């Protein structure tokens, strides 16, 4: 069932050739999918490593969805890890701006 504001959350997990982990997220990152996204991101956090989160395919984001990403960044920092966000849509980047480079969350 599609989430409010866009397609249901789609997630692809993998490992880059350098051994770092990534999570590619698509669809809606909002109140409907935020708990699922947070669970997925927490599962991907490995102490001492970077988890790359690619938001290129996100079609809709709201404050609750972006808050889940920020919380995951803080949890990563507690585990001496980093959450690196790529392809952040403009509206989502504005929602995250208060947490940029805070608690292990950053984007280029």
C-alpha atoms as a PDB file:
ATOM      1  CA  UNK A   1       0.000   0.000   0.000  1.00  0.00           C
ATOM      2  CA  UNK A   2       1.516   3.368  -0.949  1.00  0.00           C
ATOM      3  CA  UNK A   3       2.509   5.705   1.820  1.00  0.00           C
ATOM      4  CA  UNK A   4       0.916   9.121   2.089  1.00  0.00           C
ATOM      5  CA  UNK A   5       2.590  11.537  -0.316  1.00  0.00           C
ATOM      6  CA  UNK A   6       4.297   8.951  -2.506  1.00  0.00           C
ATOM      7  CA  UNK A   7       5.223   5.363  -3.149  1.00  0.00           C
ATOM      8  CA  UNK A   8       5.858   2.966  -0.280  1.00  0.00           C
ATOM      9  CA  UNK A   9       9.372   2.819   1.139  1.00  0.00           C
ATOM     10  CA  UNK A  10      11.797   0.839  -1.005  1.00  0.00           C
ATOM     11  CA  UNK A  11      15.171  -0.229   0.367  1.00  0.00           C
ATOM     12  CA  UNK A  12      18.217  -1.881  -1.164  1.00  0.00           C
ATOM     13  CA  UNK A  13      21.170  -2.890   0.995  1.00  0.00           C
ATOM     14  CA  UNK A  14      24.626  -3.754  -0.167  1.00  0.00           C
ATOM     15  CA  UNK A  15      28.351  -3.364   0.115  1.00  0.00           C
ATOM     16  CA  UNK A  16      30.608  -1.210  -2.040  1.00  0.00           C
ATOM     17  CA  UNK A  17      33.726  -2.767  -3.547  1.00  0.00           C
ATOM     18  CA  UNK A  18      35.805  -1.018  -0.837  1.00  0.00           C
ATOM     19  CA  UNK A  19      33.862  -2.953   1.801  1.00  0.00           C
ATOM     20  CA  UNK A  20      31.726  -0.090   3.114  1.00  0.00           C
ATOM     21  CA  UNK A  21      28.003  -0.675   3.555  1.00  0.00           C
ATOM     22  CA  UNK A  22      25.172   1.250   1.926  1.00  0.00           C
ATOM     23  CA  UNK A  23      21.416   1.547   2.097  1.00  0.00           C
ATOM     24  CA  UNK A  24      19.627   2.963  -0.953  1.00  0.00           C
ATOM     25  CA  UNK A  25      16.214   4.350  -0.052  1.00  0.00           C
ATOM     26  CA  UNK A  26      13.392   5.153  -2.457  1.00  0.00           C
ATOM     27  CA  UNK A  27       9.763   6.171  -2.295  1.00  0.00           C
ATOM     28  CA  UNK A  28       8.323   8.052   0.658  1.00  0.00           C
ATOM     29  CA  UNK A  29      10.354   8.819   3.779  1.00  0.00           C
ATOM     30  CA  UNK A  30       7.602  10.116   6.027  1.00  0.00           C
ATOM     31  CA  UNK A  31       5.554   9.427   9.140  1.00  0.00           C
ATOM     32  CA  UNK A  32       4.260   6.181   7.641  1.00  0.00           C
ATOM     33  CA  UNK A  33       7.703   4.735   6.914  1.00  0.00           C
ATOM     34  CA  UNK A  34       9.904   6.392   9.564  1.00  0.00           C
ATOM     35  CA  UNK A  35       9.887   3.498  12.060  1.00  0.00           C
ATOM     36  CA  UNK A  36      10.717   0.985   9.336  1.00  0.00           C
ATOM     37  CA  UNK A  37      13.516   3.221   8.019  1.00  0.00           C
ATOM     38  CA  UNK A  38      14.979   3.718  11.494  1.00  0.00           C
ATOM     39  CA  UNK A  39      15.002  -0.052  12.098  1.00  0.00           C
ATOM     40  CA  UNK A  40      16.750  -0.647   8.762  1.00  0.00           C
ATOM     41  CA  UNK A  41      19.377   2.009   9.435  1.00  0.00           C
ATOM     42  CA  UNK A  42      20.069   0.788  12.973  1.00  0.00           C
ATOM     43  CA  UNK A  43      20.574  -2.749  11.634  1.00  0.00           C
ATOM     44  CA  UNK A  44      23.115  -1.358   9.151  1.00  0.00           C
ATOM     45  CA  UNK A  45      25.236   0.449  11.746  1.00  0.00           C
ATOM     46  CA  UNK A  46      28.518  -1.302  12.454  1.00  0.00           C
ATOM     47  CA  UNK A  47      30.813   0.082  15.161  1.00  0.00           C
ATOM     48  CA  UNK A  48      33.733   1.993  13.698  1.00  0.00           C
ATOM     49  CA  UNK A  49      32.388   2.024  10.134  1.00  0.00           C
ATOM     50  CA  UNK A  50      30.511   4.368   7.843  1.00  0.00           C
ATOM     51  CA  UNK A  51      27.028   3.574   6.560  1.00  0.00           C
ATOM     52  CA  UNK A  52      26.207   5.394   3.323  1.00  0.00           C
ATOM     53  CA  UNK A  53      22.514   6.240   2.904  1.00  0.00           C
ATOM     54  CA  UNK A  54      21.518   7.102  -0.665  1.00  0.00           C
ATOM     55  CA  UNK A  55      18.300   9.132  -0.868  1.00  0.00           C
ATOM     56  CA  UNK A  56      18.436   9.758  -4.625  1.00  0.00           C
ATOM     57  CA  UNK A  57      15.219   7.812  -5.275  1.00  0.00           C
ATOM     58  CA  UNK A  58      13.196   9.435  -2.459  1.00  0.00           C
ATOM     59  CA  UNK A  59      10.012  10.904  -3.925  1.00  0.00           C
ATOM     60  CA  UNK A  60       8.576  12.437  -0.753  1.00  0.00           C
ATOM     61  CA  UNK A  61      10.056  13.360   2.625  1.00  0.00           C
ATOM     62  CA  UNK A  62       8.599  14.967   5.712  1.00  0.00           C
ATOM     63  CA  UNK A  63       9.883  16.015   9.129  1.00  0.00           C
ATOM     64  CA  UNK A  64       9.138  12.662  10.750  1.00  0.00           C
ATOM     65  CA  UNK A  65      10.982  10.725   8.064  1.00  0.00           C
ATOM     66  CA  UNK A  66      14.006  12.997   8.275  1.00  0.00           C
ATOM     67  CA  UNK A  67      13.924  12.804  12.080  1.00  0.00           C
ATOM     68  CA  UNK A  68      14.383   9.027  11.784  1.00  0.00           C
ATOM     69  CA  UNK A  69      17.497   9.653   9.708  1.00  0.00           C
ATOM     70  CA  UNK A  70      18.820  12.158  12.269  1.00  0.00           C
ATOM     71  CA  UNK A  71      18.163   9.707  15.139  1.00  0.00           C
ATOM     72  CA  UNK A  72      20.069   7.004  13.248  1.00  0.00           C
ATOM     73  CA  UNK A  73      22.951   9.476  12.858  1.00  0.00           C
ATOM     74  CA  UNK A  74      23.033  10.042  16.611  1.00  0.00           C
ATOM     75  CA  UNK A  75      22.911   6.292  17.285  1.00  0.00           C
ATOM     76  CA  UNK A  76      25.770   5.763  14.817  1.00  0.00           C
ATOM     77  CA  UNK A  77      27.857   8.353  16.681  1.00  0.00           C
ATOM     78  CA  UNK A  78      27.259   6.489  19.951  1.00  0.00           C
ATOM     79  CA  UNK A  79      28.795   3.423  18.269  1.00  0.00           C
ATOM     80  CA  UNK A  80      31.805   5.316  16.891  1.00  0.00           C
ATOM     81  CA  UNK A  81      30.228   5.122  13.432  1.00  0.00           C
ATOM     82  CA  UNK A  82      29.106   7.614  10.842  1.00  0.00           C
ATOM     83  CA  UNK A  83      25.986   7.937   8.711  1.00  0.00           C
ATOM     84  CA  UNK A  84      26.782   9.606   5.394  1.00  0.00           C
ATOM     85  CA  UNK A  85      23.801  10.813   3.349  1.00  0.00           C
ATOM     86  CA  UNK A  86      23.977  11.108  -0.453  1.00  0.00           C
ATOM     87  CA  UNK A  87      21.447  12.395  -2.961  1.00  0.00           C
ATOM     88  CA  UNK A  88      19.413  14.271  -0.391  1.00  0.00           C
ATOM     89  CA  UNK A  89      16.477  16.003  -2.133  1.00  0.00           C
ATOM     90  CA  UNK A  90      16.351  19.782  -1.525  1.00  0.00           C
ATOM     91  CA  UNK A  91      13.331  19.741   0.782  1.00  0.00           C
ATOM     92  CA  UNK A  92      14.775  16.846   2.771  1.00  0.00           C
ATOM     93  CA  UNK A  93      18.126  18.635   3.098  1.00  0.00           C
ATOM     94  CA  UNK A  94      16.369  21.631   4.631  1.00  0.00           C
ATOM     95  CA  UNK A  95      14.667  19.345   7.155  1.00  0.00           C
ATOM     96  CA  UNK A  96      18.040  17.849   8.085  1.00  0.00           C
ATOM     97  CA  UNK A  97      19.976  21.127   8.185  1.00  0.00           C
ATOM     98  CA  UNK A  98      19.791  21.403  11.971  1.00  0.00           C
ATOM     99  CA  UNK A  99      21.476  17.989  12.284  1.00  0.00           C
ATOM    100  CA  UNK A 100      24.144  18.426   9.585  1.00  0.00           C
ATOM    101  CA  UNK A 101      27.410  16.955  10.862  1.00  0.00           C
ATOM    102  CA  UNK A 102      25.927  16.476  14.331  1.00  0.00           C
ATOM    103  CA  UNK A 103      25.885  13.044  15.898  1.00  0.00           C
ATOM    104  CA  UNK A 104      27.632  11.323  13.009  1.00  0.00           C
ATOM    105  CA  UNK A 105      25.213  12.511  10.315  1.00  0.00           C
ATOM    106  CA  UNK A 106      26.681  14.320   7.340  1.00  0.00           C
ATOM    107  CA  UNK A 107      26.279  14.801   3.627  1.00  0.00           C
ATOM    108  CA  UNK A 108      28.629  16.265   1.046  1.00  0.00           C
END
